[in-house]
Amino acid sequence: MFTNQDVDYSLNAPCRCLGSVAPPQKSSAKIDADDGLGDEGGGEADIADGWGNDYDDDDLASSQANQRFLVGTAIPSVSKISDGDELVEEADEDRVNRLHLLKYHEDSHELLLESSWAHPTGEVWAMSCHPTRPDWVVTCGGGSVFASSAIEEGCGDENDDAAASSDPAAAALTQFKTTLWRIPDAGGEESGGGLGFDDEDKSASDTLEAVVSIPHGTTESASASGWEQRVSQVLWNPLLLSASSGDALYDLAETSSDDGGGNLITVGWGKDSPIMLWDISALSEVKEVWSARGGLMVPRKRSHLSALSSALPRKVSWDPHDVCNILATSGVDVVAYDMRTASSGGRLAIRSAHRHGVADVCHNPLLMGVVVTSGLDGIIKVWDIRGISGEVQSQKSARTNPPVLKVLRGGHTHFASNVRYNPFHDQLILSSGTEGNANLWRVSSCSSAPLLDMAMDEDDGDGDGAERSLYGDDEGEEDETTQEVADENRDANAPSENEETSQKEMKGASSSQDIRVSRLECSDAVSRVVWSSNDPWMYMTLSCDGTVTAQFVPSKEKYRILL
């Protein structure tokens, strides 16, 4: 079924985290059969979805048609610390944070709540689903907590006489915990095969199972405030998906055995918070492989960071073509790290990428050396960073920015907070902003498969109207959006030679190759956008008020890319 109509579901609770659940994977029996190592006769394959459901070949198409997504709520609440230093969520059921499992049903074109589980560590600050195992998810939870014993122990300083004399139970702390959870069985026979359950069944499947705790920011040099433990982003190693064997535990061991390898990256919230690479292949224990704190190796003559850009949650993109390298936002810049080196410093990859701060960065999954960034200036930029040297840059070379391949304007009137490449078709880019818009762009000119012949598309003016309604009443804005490469993001210096060359080249590009395909006006600021892990033409947006919207790439755009 092909549809261009969006469908939404409201959780009626503040949310900031959204993830796509992995599709069912081949079971070990199927892998052995494919390799010729199974029982005699080969046998029929079973597909396991991680929740206790096994699908045969006849049910595989049906299982893949139902997309699953996890949403984490962000209800401000106050928890308590038990004697075992565990966070205990407050008893008020209306303020308990939860992980909600939503399923999109293609046949009925509905987005429904399938299950939900209480999140034991409180407000969800970051969340990431495992790329191949549907029942694994990593979250960072926490916030304000109360602990009388901790306050009494921490009030021994002579400068804290006033705090010690006050009621210890009235003093607030902050505590955050990053945990790998196993989602309990939501698809057994008692619950109706994973299609949902009533209130009586809910209590039996209301607890997440902690697999392992990840001690982000709990070093000896960390302050007692607990803010260093707050995580803004969690990333799984791209090899877990691209080189998956079908066995999640085997893949964890394989990626950790590589040079400088690890399975998981946790990103601290602030620009000076640590970025940490972990090996969790043993599951019983977690090993820190590499870590780095914020800081540029190229000094500045004057500060470019405002209070707003300094408070931005830091974002990281893991290079799928070279898993030893990552890119991280740092104020108005983008910093590159090589995780094979023990040095905690990075090298400047893009200087002053956006005027007021870089909000997000994402690698092109199919084209090496191409990345996209979004910023507080409301602009989306595509960069060619292939010329960046792996060595430490000098001050002179650090001032030379990589060329800008494309600048996308007009999509956002406020901060462009998220940007994501389609993992299968790099012509498609998703972006969202705090003004409440989610945009789907087709940027073919700097993709792995440019659309060379667009004459037929330009003549077809009676189609779905994607290009005609691209900018509403803003006539003529398309040329400015898709062709103009301006240098607003630099200081008083003139544009570099690379940028001038790139600007001349892009002036002659065909405007029909790079357009905004669709725009969704959401009910609130958009906190997250994700592509479906099971359908390359489906994507989800999450508003801060808890409204989840499923959208689809128009059929006309599919045919342009595929044919």
Protein backbone atom coordinates (compact mmCIF):
# COMPACT_ATOMS: atom_id res chain seq x y z
CA MET A 1 0.00 0.00 0.00
CA PHE A 2 1.34 3.42 -0.96
CA THR A 3 0.04 6.49 0.78
CA ASN A 4 1.14 10.10 1.07
CA GLN A 5 -1.12 10.88 4.01
CA ASP A 6 0.43 11.30 7.44
CA VAL A 7 -1.01 9.72 10.56
CA ASP A 8 -0.35 10.76 14.15
CA TYR A 9 -0.79 9.62 17.73
CA SER A 10 -0.68 11.84 20.84
CA LEU A 11 0.79 10.62 24.12
CA ASN A 12 -0.33 13.79 25.94
CA ALA A 13 2.98 14.04 27.77
CA PRO A 14 6.21 15.97 27.15
CA CYS A 15 8.69 13.89 25.14
CA ARG A 16 12.16 14.36 23.72
CA CYS A 17 13.32 10.86 22.60
CA LEU A 18 12.19 8.76 19.66
CA GLY A 19 13.73 5.62 18.18
CA SER A 20 12.93 3.13 15.44
CA VAL A 21 12.80 -0.50 16.56
CA ALA A 22 14.80 -2.93 14.46
CA PRO A 23 12.92 -5.31 12.16
CA PRO A 24 12.76 -9.06 12.91
CA GLN A 25 16.07 -10.81 12.33
CA LYS A 26 16.90 -14.25 11.05
CA SER A 27 17.12 -16.82 13.79
CA SER A 28 20.20 -18.99 14.22
CA ALA A 29 18.41 -21.88 12.48
CA LYS A 30 17.93 -19.74 9.39
CA ILE A 31 21.56 -18.58 9.43
CA ASP A 32 22.79 -22.17 9.61
CA ALA A 33 20.43 -23.16 6.79
CA ASP A 34 21.69 -20.32 4.62
CA ASP A 35 25.30 -21.35 5.27
CA GLY A 36 24.60 -25.00 4.51
CA LEU A 37 25.44 -25.95 8.09
CA GLY A 38 21.96 -26.72 9.32
CA ASP A 39 20.13 -29.98 9.67
CA GLU A 40 19.54 -32.23 6.71
CA GLY A 41 16.86 -30.89 4.43
CA GLY A 42 17.58 -27.28 5.40
CA GLY A 43 14.27 -26.81 7.18
CA GLU A 44 12.14 -23.70 7.06
CA ALA A 45 13.39 -20.43 8.49
CA ASP A 46 12.03 -18.76 11.57
CA ILE A 47 12.23 -15.04 12.14
CA ALA A 48 12.59 -13.81 15.73
CA ASP A 49 11.40 -10.35 16.70
CA GLY A 50 12.99 -10.27 20.14
CA TRP A 51 9.71 -10.35 22.04
CA GLY A 52 9.15 -14.08 21.90
CA ASN A 53 7.44 -14.09 18.49
CA ASP A 54 8.70 -16.40 15.73
CA TYR A 55 7.59 -15.80 12.15
CA ASP A 56 7.81 -18.23 9.31
CA ASP A 57 8.38 -17.13 5.73
CA ASP A 58 4.67 -16.58 5.11
CA ASP A 59 4.43 -14.14 8.01
CA LEU A 60 7.64 -12.25 7.29
CA ALA A 61 6.06 -9.78 4.89
CA SER A 62 3.28 -9.10 7.37
CA SER A 63 5.72 -8.56 10.23
CA GLN A 64 7.81 -6.12 8.21
CA ALA A 65 4.72 -4.14 7.25
CA ASN A 66 4.15 -3.23 10.91
CA GLN A 67 6.68 -0.60 11.91
CA ARG A 68 7.55 -0.23 15.61
CA PHE A 69 8.82 2.91 17.34
CA LEU A 70 9.81 3.68 20.93
CA VAL A 71 9.04 7.02 22.57
CA GLY A 72 10.47 8.13 25.91
CA THR A 73 8.59 10.69 28.00
CA ALA A 74 10.27 13.64 29.70
CA ILE A 75 7.95 14.48 32.58
CA PRO A 76 9.82 16.63 35.13
CA SER A 77 9.70 14.66 38.34
CA VAL A 78 11.60 14.17 41.57
CA SER A 79 12.87 10.71 42.43
CA LYS A 80 14.35 9.25 45.58
CA ILE A 81 17.62 7.43 46.10
CA SER A 82 17.26 4.15 47.96
CA ASP A 83 19.87 2.69 50.29
CA GLY A 84 21.39 0.84 47.34
CA ASP A 85 21.94 4.10 45.40
CA GLU A 86 19.15 3.13 43.03
CA LEU A 87 16.70 5.68 41.72
CA VAL A 88 13.12 5.06 42.80
CA GLU A 89 10.46 6.90 40.82
CA GLU A 90 7.85 8.77 42.78
CA ALA A 91 4.54 7.06 43.48
CA ASP A 92 2.39 9.53 41.52
CA GLU A 93 1.33 7.46 38.51
CA ASP A 94 0.62 10.55 36.41
CA ARG A 95 4.24 11.68 36.76
CA VAL A 96 5.93 8.35 36.11
CA ASN A 97 8.02 8.44 32.94
CA ARG A 98 7.51 5.58 30.53
CA LEU A 99 8.75 4.02 27.30
CA HIS A 100 5.86 3.71 24.85
CA LEU A 101 5.90 1.21 22.00
CA LEU A 102 3.94 2.41 18.96
CA LYS A 103 3.15 0.30 15.93
CA TYR A 104 2.13 1.49 12.50
CA HIS A 105 -0.41 -0.80 10.82
CA GLU A 106 -0.15 -0.48 7.06
CA ASP A 107 -3.43 -2.22 6.27
CA SER A 108 -5.53 0.15 8.38
CA HIS A 109 -3.15 3.12 8.11
CA GLU A 110 -3.14 3.60 11.88
CA LEU A 111 -0.53 4.42 14.49
CA LEU A 112 -1.47 2.69 17.73
CA LEU A 113 -0.02 2.24 21.19
CA GLU A 114 1.02 -1.39 21.56
CA SER A 115 2.71 -1.43 24.99
CA SER A 116 4.32 0.82 27.59
CA TRP A 117 6.73 0.28 30.45
CA ALA A 118 7.70 2.44 33.43
CA HIS A 119 11.18 3.90 33.09
CA PRO A 120 12.87 3.18 36.44
CA THR A 121 15.46 5.96 36.25
CA GLY A 122 13.01 8.81 35.66
CA GLU A 123 12.95 11.40 32.91
CA VAL A 124 14.33 10.12 29.59
CA TRP A 125 17.15 12.38 28.35
CA ALA A 126 18.57 10.14 25.61
CA MET A 127 17.53 6.89 23.97
CA SER A 128 18.84 4.61 21.22
CA CYS A 129 17.43 1.30 19.97
CA HIS A 130 19.81 -1.49 19.02
CA PRO A 131 20.16 -1.59 15.20
CA THR A 132 19.45 -5.34 14.88
CA ARG A 133 18.04 -6.60 18.19
CA PRO A 134 14.50 -5.29 18.71
CA ASP A 135 14.34 -5.89 22.46
CA TRP A 136 17.44 -3.85 23.41
CA VAL A 137 17.38 -0.12 24.09
CA VAL A 138 19.81 2.21 25.85
CA THR A 139 18.45 5.16 27.81
CA CYS A 140 19.81 7.91 30.00
CA GLY A 141 17.40 8.78 32.77
CA GLY A 142 17.45 10.91 35.85
CA GLY A 143 17.10 14.43 37.10
CA SER A 144 16.47 15.88 40.54
CA VAL A 145 16.62 13.43 43.43
CA PHE A 146 16.36 13.53 47.20
CA ALA A 147 18.69 11.63 49.53
CA SER A 148 19.01 12.63 53.15
CA SER A 149 22.05 10.40 53.75
CA ALA A 150 23.95 11.86 50.78
CA ILE A 151 23.22 15.39 51.94
CA GLU A 152 24.39 14.69 55.47
CA GLU A 153 27.67 13.23 54.20
CA GLY A 154 28.23 16.12 51.81
CA CYS A 155 27.59 18.89 54.33
CA GLY A 156 30.79 18.52 56.33
CA ASP A 157 32.60 21.51 54.83
CA GLU A 158 32.99 24.57 56.98
CA ASN A 159 31.38 26.72 54.30
CA ASP A 160 28.24 24.61 54.34
CA ASP A 161 27.08 25.33 57.90
CA ALA A 162 23.85 26.81 56.64
CA ALA A 163 23.16 23.79 54.44
CA ALA A 164 23.97 21.38 57.25
CA SER A 165 21.59 23.13 59.61
CA SER A 166 18.75 22.95 57.13
CA ASP A 167 16.50 19.96 56.67
CA PRO A 168 18.52 17.36 54.66
CA ALA A 169 15.39 15.94 53.09
CA ALA A 170 14.66 19.32 51.47
CA ALA A 171 18.00 19.51 49.60
CA ALA A 172 17.97 18.47 45.95
CA LEU A 173 20.67 16.62 44.02
CA THR A 174 20.95 15.48 40.43
CA GLN A 175 21.68 11.95 39.36
CA PHE A 176 21.63 10.35 35.92
CA LYS A 177 22.04 6.73 34.90
CA THR A 178 22.70 5.27 31.45
CA THR A 179 21.40 1.72 31.16
CA LEU A 180 20.99 -0.97 28.53
CA TRP A 181 17.49 -2.41 28.97
CA ARG A 182 15.83 -5.51 27.68
CA ILE A 183 12.21 -4.84 26.83
CA PRO A 184 10.03 -7.54 28.41
CA ASP A 185 7.94 -9.96 26.38
CA ALA A 186 5.05 -8.01 24.89
CA GLY A 187 4.08 -10.54 22.27
CA GLY A 188 3.30 -13.77 24.04
CA GLU A 189 0.12 -15.71 23.66
CA GLU A 190 -1.35 -14.17 26.81
CA SER A 191 -1.04 -10.68 25.41
CA GLY A 192 -2.59 -11.46 22.06
CA GLY A 193 0.49 -11.92 19.91
CA GLY A 194 1.93 -8.44 20.43
CA LEU A 195 -1.12 -6.52 19.25
CA GLY A 196 -1.65 -4.84 22.61
CA PHE A 197 -2.97 -5.74 26.01
CA ASP A 198 -5.62 -4.55 28.41
CA ASP A 199 -5.15 -3.12 31.90
CA GLU A 200 -5.17 -6.55 33.54
CA ASP A 201 -2.23 -7.74 31.46
CA LYS A 202 -0.37 -4.46 31.79
CA SER A 203 0.95 -5.09 35.29
CA ALA A 204 2.62 -8.34 34.23
CA SER A 205 4.72 -6.61 31.54
CA ASP A 206 5.37 -3.28 33.22
CA THR A 207 9.04 -3.66 34.15
CA LEU A 208 12.12 -3.15 32.04
CA GLU A 209 14.95 -5.59 32.64
CA ALA A 210 18.34 -3.93 33.19
CA VAL A 211 21.05 -5.74 31.21
CA VAL A 212 24.04 -3.58 32.12
CA SER A 213 24.70 -0.09 33.51
CA ILE A 214 27.04 2.25 31.64
CA PRO A 215 28.99 4.55 34.03
CA HIS A 216 29.15 7.65 31.85
CA GLY A 217 30.81 10.60 33.59
CA THR A 218 31.50 8.78 36.84
CA THR A 219 35.24 9.42 36.91
CA GLU A 220 37.25 10.46 39.93
CA SER A 221 37.57 14.01 38.59
CA ALA A 222 33.80 14.39 38.15
CA SER A 223 32.08 16.88 40.41
CA ALA A 224 29.53 15.88 43.04
CA SER A 225 26.73 17.71 41.24
CA GLY A 226 26.05 14.76 38.92
CA TRP A 227 25.57 16.84 35.77
CA GLU A 228 28.55 15.17 34.06
CA GLN A 229 26.50 11.96 33.98
CA ARG A 230 23.80 13.47 31.79
CA VAL A 231 23.90 12.06 28.25
CA SER A 232 22.47 13.84 25.22
CA GLN A 233 22.98 11.09 22.63
CA VAL A 234 23.73 7.36 22.41
CA LEU A 235 25.11 5.79 19.23
CA TRP A 236 25.64 2.15 18.29
CA ASN A 237 28.59 1.09 16.15
CA PRO A 238 27.52 1.30 12.46
CA LEU A 239 29.14 -2.09 11.82
CA LEU A 240 26.50 -3.73 13.99
CA LEU A 241 24.07 -3.07 11.14
CA SER A 242 26.20 -2.99 7.99
CA ALA A 243 28.13 -6.18 8.89
CA SER A 244 25.47 -7.92 10.93
CA SER A 245 25.68 -11.70 11.18
CA GLY A 246 22.21 -12.04 12.66
CA ASP A 247 23.60 -12.77 16.14
CA ALA A 248 23.71 -9.60 18.25
CA LEU A 249 26.11 -11.00 20.86
CA TYR A 250 28.53 -12.24 18.19
CA ASP A 251 28.44 -8.83 16.48
CA LEU A 252 29.24 -7.08 19.78
CA ALA A 253 32.29 -9.29 20.23
CA GLU A 254 33.42 -8.73 16.63
CA THR A 255 33.21 -4.93 16.77
CA SER A 256 35.01 -4.79 20.12
CA SER A 257 37.90 -6.90 18.76
CA ASP A 258 38.75 -4.38 16.04
CA ASP A 259 41.57 -1.88 16.48
CA GLY A 260 40.23 0.75 18.84
CA GLY A 261 36.86 -0.89 18.52
CA GLY A 262 33.84 -0.43 20.73
CA ASN A 263 30.14 -1.04 20.60
CA LEU A 264 28.59 2.11 21.97
CA ILE A 265 29.25 5.83 22.28
CA THR A 266 27.69 8.03 24.95
CA VAL A 267 27.80 11.78 24.41
CA GLY A 268 27.82 14.16 27.35
CA TRP A 269 25.29 16.96 27.29
CA GLY A 270 27.56 20.01 27.34
CA LYS A 271 30.40 20.94 25.00
CA ASP A 272 32.92 20.22 27.77
CA SER A 273 31.28 16.94 28.80
CA PRO A 274 33.01 13.67 27.89
CA ILE A 275 32.42 11.62 24.78
CA MET A 276 33.02 8.00 25.75
CA LEU A 277 33.42 4.77 23.74
CA TRP A 278 32.40 1.57 25.51
CA ASP A 279 32.86 -2.16 25.06
CA ILE A 280 29.74 -3.92 26.34
CA SER A 281 30.28 -7.24 24.58
CA ALA A 282 30.66 -9.10 27.90
CA LEU A 283 27.31 -7.68 29.13
CA SER A 284 28.30 -8.56 32.71
CA GLU A 285 30.81 -5.70 32.75
CA VAL A 286 31.46 -2.52 30.80
CA LYS A 287 34.90 -1.43 29.65
CA GLU A 288 35.81 2.12 28.70
CA VAL A 289 37.76 2.02 25.44
CA TRP A 290 38.27 5.73 24.68
CA SER A 291 37.10 9.10 25.92
CA ALA A 292 37.51 12.75 25.01
CA ARG A 293 36.39 16.04 26.45
CA GLY A 294 35.52 19.23 24.61
CA GLY A 295 38.15 21.66 23.46
CA LEU A 296 39.59 22.80 20.13
CA MET A 297 43.22 22.43 19.19
CA VAL A 298 43.16 25.71 17.25
CA PRO A 299 42.95 28.77 19.54
CA ARG A 300 40.72 31.71 18.69
CA LYS A 301 41.57 35.38 18.84
CA ARG A 302 38.08 36.16 20.13
CA SER A 303 35.18 34.10 21.41
CA HIS A 304 32.45 33.13 18.99
CA LEU A 305 30.36 31.27 21.55
CA SER A 306 27.28 32.87 22.96
CA ALA A 307 25.57 31.62 26.10
CA LEU A 308 23.00 29.93 23.88
CA SER A 309 25.46 27.93 21.79
CA SER A 310 27.40 26.95 24.91
CA ALA A 311 24.25 25.43 26.39
CA LEU A 312 23.44 23.36 23.29
CA PRO A 313 23.31 19.58 23.82
CA ARG A 314 26.28 18.10 22.03
CA LYS A 315 25.69 15.84 19.01
CA VAL A 316 27.98 13.25 17.44
CA SER A 317 27.94 11.41 14.10
CA TRP A 318 29.79 8.09 13.79
CA ASP A 319 31.41 7.72 10.38
CA PRO A 320 29.91 4.58 8.76
CA HIS A 321 32.79 4.39 6.27
CA ASP A 322 35.57 4.54 8.88
CA VAL A 323 34.30 3.58 12.33
CA CYS A 324 37.45 4.91 14.01
CA ASN A 325 36.37 8.50 13.27
CA ILE A 326 33.55 10.62 14.64
CA LEU A 327 32.38 14.21 14.20
CA ALA A 328 31.09 16.21 17.17
CA THR A 329 29.42 19.61 17.45
CA SER A 330 31.19 22.15 19.63
CA GLY A 331 29.49 25.51 19.80
CA VAL A 332 29.69 27.02 16.33
CA ASP A 333 32.28 24.48 15.13
CA VAL A 334 32.46 20.82 14.19
CA VAL A 335 35.34 18.81 15.68
CA ALA A 336 36.75 15.51 14.39
CA TYR A 337 38.10 12.75 16.65
CA ASP A 338 40.17 9.68 15.83
CA MET A 339 39.31 7.05 18.44
CA ARG A 340 42.50 5.09 17.76
CA THR A 341 44.55 7.78 19.49
CA ALA A 342 44.77 8.19 23.23
CA SER A 343 44.72 11.98 22.99
CA SER A 344 41.55 13.51 24.37
CA GLY A 345 41.73 16.50 22.03
CA GLY A 346 40.19 16.74 18.58
CA ARG A 347 41.00 18.56 15.38
CA LEU A 348 38.94 21.30 13.87
CA ALA A 349 36.90 19.90 10.99
CA ILE A 350 34.59 22.82 10.14
CA ARG A 351 35.27 26.27 11.54
CA SER A 352 32.23 28.46 12.26
CA ALA A 353 29.89 26.07 10.48
CA HIS A 354 26.80 28.01 11.61
CA ARG A 355 26.53 31.53 12.90
CA HIS A 356 24.94 30.96 16.30
CA GLY A 357 25.80 27.32 16.90
CA VAL A 358 25.73 23.86 15.32
CA ALA A 359 22.72 21.85 16.45
CA ASP A 360 23.27 18.54 14.62
CA VAL A 361 25.64 16.71 12.26
CA CYS A 362 25.16 13.55 10.18
CA HIS A 363 27.40 11.57 7.78
CA ASN A 364 26.22 10.61 4.34
CA PRO A 365 25.75 6.82 4.64
CA LEU A 366 26.61 6.13 0.99
CA LEU A 367 29.16 8.81 0.04
CA MET A 368 32.40 9.04 1.98
CA GLY A 369 33.50 12.47 3.14
CA VAL A 370 30.12 14.20 2.82
CA VAL A 371 28.27 15.44 5.91
CA VAL A 372 25.24 17.60 6.59
CA THR A 373 24.84 20.05 9.47
CA SER A 374 21.98 22.10 10.89
CA GLY A 375 22.29 25.19 13.03
CA LEU A 376 20.65 27.83 15.14
CA ASP A 377 20.60 30.07 12.06
CA GLY A 378 17.85 27.84 10.61
CA ILE A 379 20.04 26.71 7.69
CA ILE A 380 20.98 23.22 6.48
CA LYS A 381 24.47 22.83 4.93
CA VAL A 382 26.11 19.96 3.08
CA TRP A 383 29.92 19.84 3.34
CA ASP A 384 32.73 18.00 1.58
CA ILE A 385 35.27 17.14 4.31
CA ARG A 386 37.42 14.75 2.29
CA GLY A 387 40.33 17.20 2.37
CA ILE A 388 40.61 17.17 6.16
CA SER A 389 43.96 15.79 7.20
CA GLY A 390 44.17 13.19 9.92
CA GLU A 391 47.07 15.04 11.50
CA VAL A 392 46.89 17.95 13.89
CA GLN A 393 46.11 21.08 11.93
CA SER A 394 48.12 24.26 12.07
CA GLN A 395 46.46 27.55 12.78
CA LYS A 396 46.72 28.52 9.11
CA SER A 397 45.18 25.30 7.78
CA ALA A 398 42.46 25.42 10.42
CA ARG A 399 41.20 28.70 8.97
CA THR A 400 40.53 27.04 5.60
CA ASN A 401 37.10 25.51 5.71
CA PRO A 402 36.07 22.52 3.61
CA PRO A 403 33.92 23.43 0.60
CA VAL A 404 30.18 23.86 1.01
CA LEU A 405 28.32 21.68 -1.48
CA LYS A 406 24.81 22.93 -0.79
CA VAL A 407 23.00 25.43 1.41
CA LEU A 408 19.29 24.85 2.07
CA ARG A 409 17.36 27.93 3.17
CA GLY A 410 13.75 28.79 3.79
CA GLY A 411 12.80 25.59 5.55
CA HIS A 412 13.07 26.89 9.12
CA THR A 413 12.31 30.25 10.67
CA HIS A 414 13.88 29.31 14.02
CA PHE A 415 16.53 26.82 15.13
CA ALA A 416 17.12 23.83 12.82
CA SER A 417 17.59 21.34 15.63
CA ASN A 418 17.78 17.98 13.79
CA VAL A 419 19.02 16.72 10.44
CA ARG A 420 19.18 13.13 9.18
CA TYR A 421 20.19 11.37 5.95
CA ASN A 422 18.03 8.57 4.64
CA PRO A 423 20.11 5.44 5.41
CA PHE A 424 19.30 3.86 2.01
CA HIS A 425 18.81 6.79 -0.39
CA ASP A 426 21.16 9.69 0.32
CA GLN A 427 19.21 11.99 -1.99
CA LEU A 428 16.71 12.40 0.87
CA ILE A 429 17.43 14.52 3.96
CA LEU A 430 15.15 15.14 6.93
CA SER A 431 15.33 18.30 8.99
CA SER A 432 13.25 19.67 11.85
CA GLY A 433 13.15 22.89 13.81
CA THR A 434 11.94 24.44 17.01
CA GLU A 435 9.37 26.50 15.10
CA GLY A 436 7.48 23.24 14.56
CA ASN A 437 8.33 22.40 10.94
CA ALA A 438 9.67 19.08 9.66
CA ASN A 439 11.02 19.21 6.10
CA LEU A 440 11.86 16.49 3.60
CA TRP A 441 14.53 17.62 1.12
CA ARG A 442 15.70 16.03 -2.08
CA VAL A 443 19.37 16.98 -2.49
CA SER A 444 20.40 15.00 -5.53
CA SER A 445 23.29 17.12 -6.80
CA CYS A 446 25.65 16.04 -3.99
CA SER A 447 24.44 12.46 -3.51
CA SER A 448 25.86 9.12 -4.59
CA ALA A 449 23.29 8.88 -7.43
CA PRO A 450 22.43 12.32 -8.88
CA LEU A 451 19.28 12.65 -10.95
CA LEU A 452 20.71 13.51 -14.35
CA ASP A 453 17.62 13.89 -16.55
CA MET A 454 14.88 15.98 -14.92
CA ALA A 455 13.18 17.28 -18.07
CA MET A 456 10.30 14.84 -17.77
CA ASP A 457 9.73 15.81 -14.13
CA GLU A 458 9.65 19.53 -14.90
CA ASP A 459 7.04 19.02 -17.62
CA ASP A 460 4.87 16.92 -15.34
CA GLY A 461 3.08 19.79 -13.63
CA ASP A 462 -0.15 17.95 -12.84
CA GLY A 463 1.34 15.45 -10.40
CA ASP A 464 1.14 15.56 -6.64
CA GLY A 465 2.14 19.21 -6.60
CA ALA A 466 5.22 18.72 -4.44
CA GLU A 467 7.30 21.32 -6.30
CA ARG A 468 4.49 23.79 -6.90
CA SER A 469 3.61 23.98 -3.20
CA LEU A 470 7.23 23.83 -2.10
CA TYR A 471 7.36 27.24 -0.51
CA GLY A 472 3.72 28.20 -0.38
CA ASP A 473 3.37 31.86 -1.24
CA ASP A 474 7.11 32.55 -1.28
CA GLU A 475 7.54 32.78 -5.03
CA GLY A 476 11.10 32.60 -6.26
CA GLU A 477 12.52 31.30 -2.99
CA GLU A 478 13.38 27.95 -4.53
CA ASP A 479 16.29 29.37 -6.51
CA GLU A 480 17.69 31.02 -3.41
CA THR A 481 17.24 27.86 -1.39
CA THR A 482 18.77 25.41 -3.81
CA GLN A 483 21.49 27.42 -5.56
CA GLU A 484 22.80 30.18 -3.30
CA VAL A 485 25.87 29.37 -1.24
CA ALA A 486 26.46 32.30 1.14
CA ASP A 487 29.08 32.76 3.79
CA GLU A 488 26.95 34.06 6.64
CA ASN A 489 28.58 31.81 9.20
CA ARG A 490 32.09 33.28 9.14
CA ASP A 491 33.39 36.27 11.04
CA ALA A 492 34.68 39.43 9.41
CA ASN A 493 37.09 37.47 7.19
CA ALA A 494 36.39 37.08 3.46
CA PRO A 495 35.28 33.69 2.09
CA SER A 496 38.04 31.18 1.45
CA GLU A 497 39.10 30.09 -2.05
CA ASN A 498 37.39 26.71 -1.62
CA GLU A 499 34.10 28.37 -0.75
CA GLU A 500 34.29 30.77 -3.70
CA THR A 501 34.96 27.88 -6.09
CA SER A 502 32.10 25.87 -4.60
CA GLN A 503 29.78 28.85 -4.92
CA LYS A 504 30.51 29.26 -8.63
CA GLU A 505 29.97 25.58 -9.28
CA MET A 506 26.66 25.49 -7.46
CA LYS A 507 25.33 28.56 -9.27
CA GLY A 508 25.17 26.52 -12.46
CA ALA A 509 23.43 23.52 -10.94
CA SER A 510 19.91 22.61 -11.95
CA SER A 511 17.39 23.85 -9.40
CA SER A 512 15.10 20.91 -10.14
CA GLN A 513 17.56 18.46 -8.62
CA ASP A 514 17.49 19.98 -5.13
CA ILE A 515 14.12 20.94 -3.72
CA ARG A 516 12.05 20.70 -0.61
CA VAL A 517 9.68 17.81 -1.24
CA SER A 518 7.28 18.31 1.66
CA ARG A 519 6.76 20.27 4.85
CA LEU A 520 4.88 19.19 7.96
CA GLU A 521 3.65 21.78 10.44
CA CYS A 522 3.67 20.04 13.81
CA SER A 523 1.72 20.97 16.91
CA ASP A 524 4.84 22.00 18.84
CA ALA A 525 8.59 22.29 18.48
CA VAL A 526 10.00 19.11 16.94
CA SER A 527 12.31 17.32 19.35
CA ARG A 528 13.31 14.37 17.15
CA VAL A 529 13.02 12.95 13.61
CA VAL A 530 13.95 9.38 12.63
CA TRP A 531 13.81 7.22 9.54
CA SER A 532 12.14 3.86 9.88
CA SER A 533 14.61 0.98 10.21
CA ASN A 534 12.18 -1.26 8.33
CA ASP A 535 10.93 0.95 5.48
CA PRO A 536 13.21 3.39 3.60
CA TRP A 537 10.22 5.53 2.58
CA MET A 538 8.77 6.13 6.06
CA TYR A 539 9.87 8.60 8.74
CA MET A 540 8.58 9.78 12.10
CA THR A 541 8.52 13.12 13.85
CA LEU A 542 8.12 13.70 17.58
CA SER A 543 6.84 17.00 18.95
CA CYS A 544 7.70 18.21 22.44
CA ASP A 545 4.04 17.84 23.47
CA GLY A 546 4.14 14.08 22.76
CA THR A 547 2.55 14.02 19.29
CA VAL A 548 4.12 11.34 17.08
CA THR A 549 3.49 11.66 13.33
CA ALA A 550 4.25 9.06 10.68
CA GLN A 551 4.99 10.44 7.22
CA PHE A 552 5.91 8.92 3.88
CA VAL A 553 8.02 9.92 0.92
CA PRO A 554 5.63 10.77 -1.94
CA SER A 555 5.31 8.08 -4.59
CA LYS A 556 6.47 10.48 -7.26
CA GLU A 557 9.76 10.99 -5.42
CA LYS A 558 10.22 7.24 -5.02
CA TYR A 559 9.99 6.71 -8.75
CA ARG A 560 12.41 9.54 -9.48
CA ILE A 561 15.00 7.93 -7.23
CA LEU A 562 14.44 4.30 -8.21
CA LEU A 563 13.88 4.63 -11.95
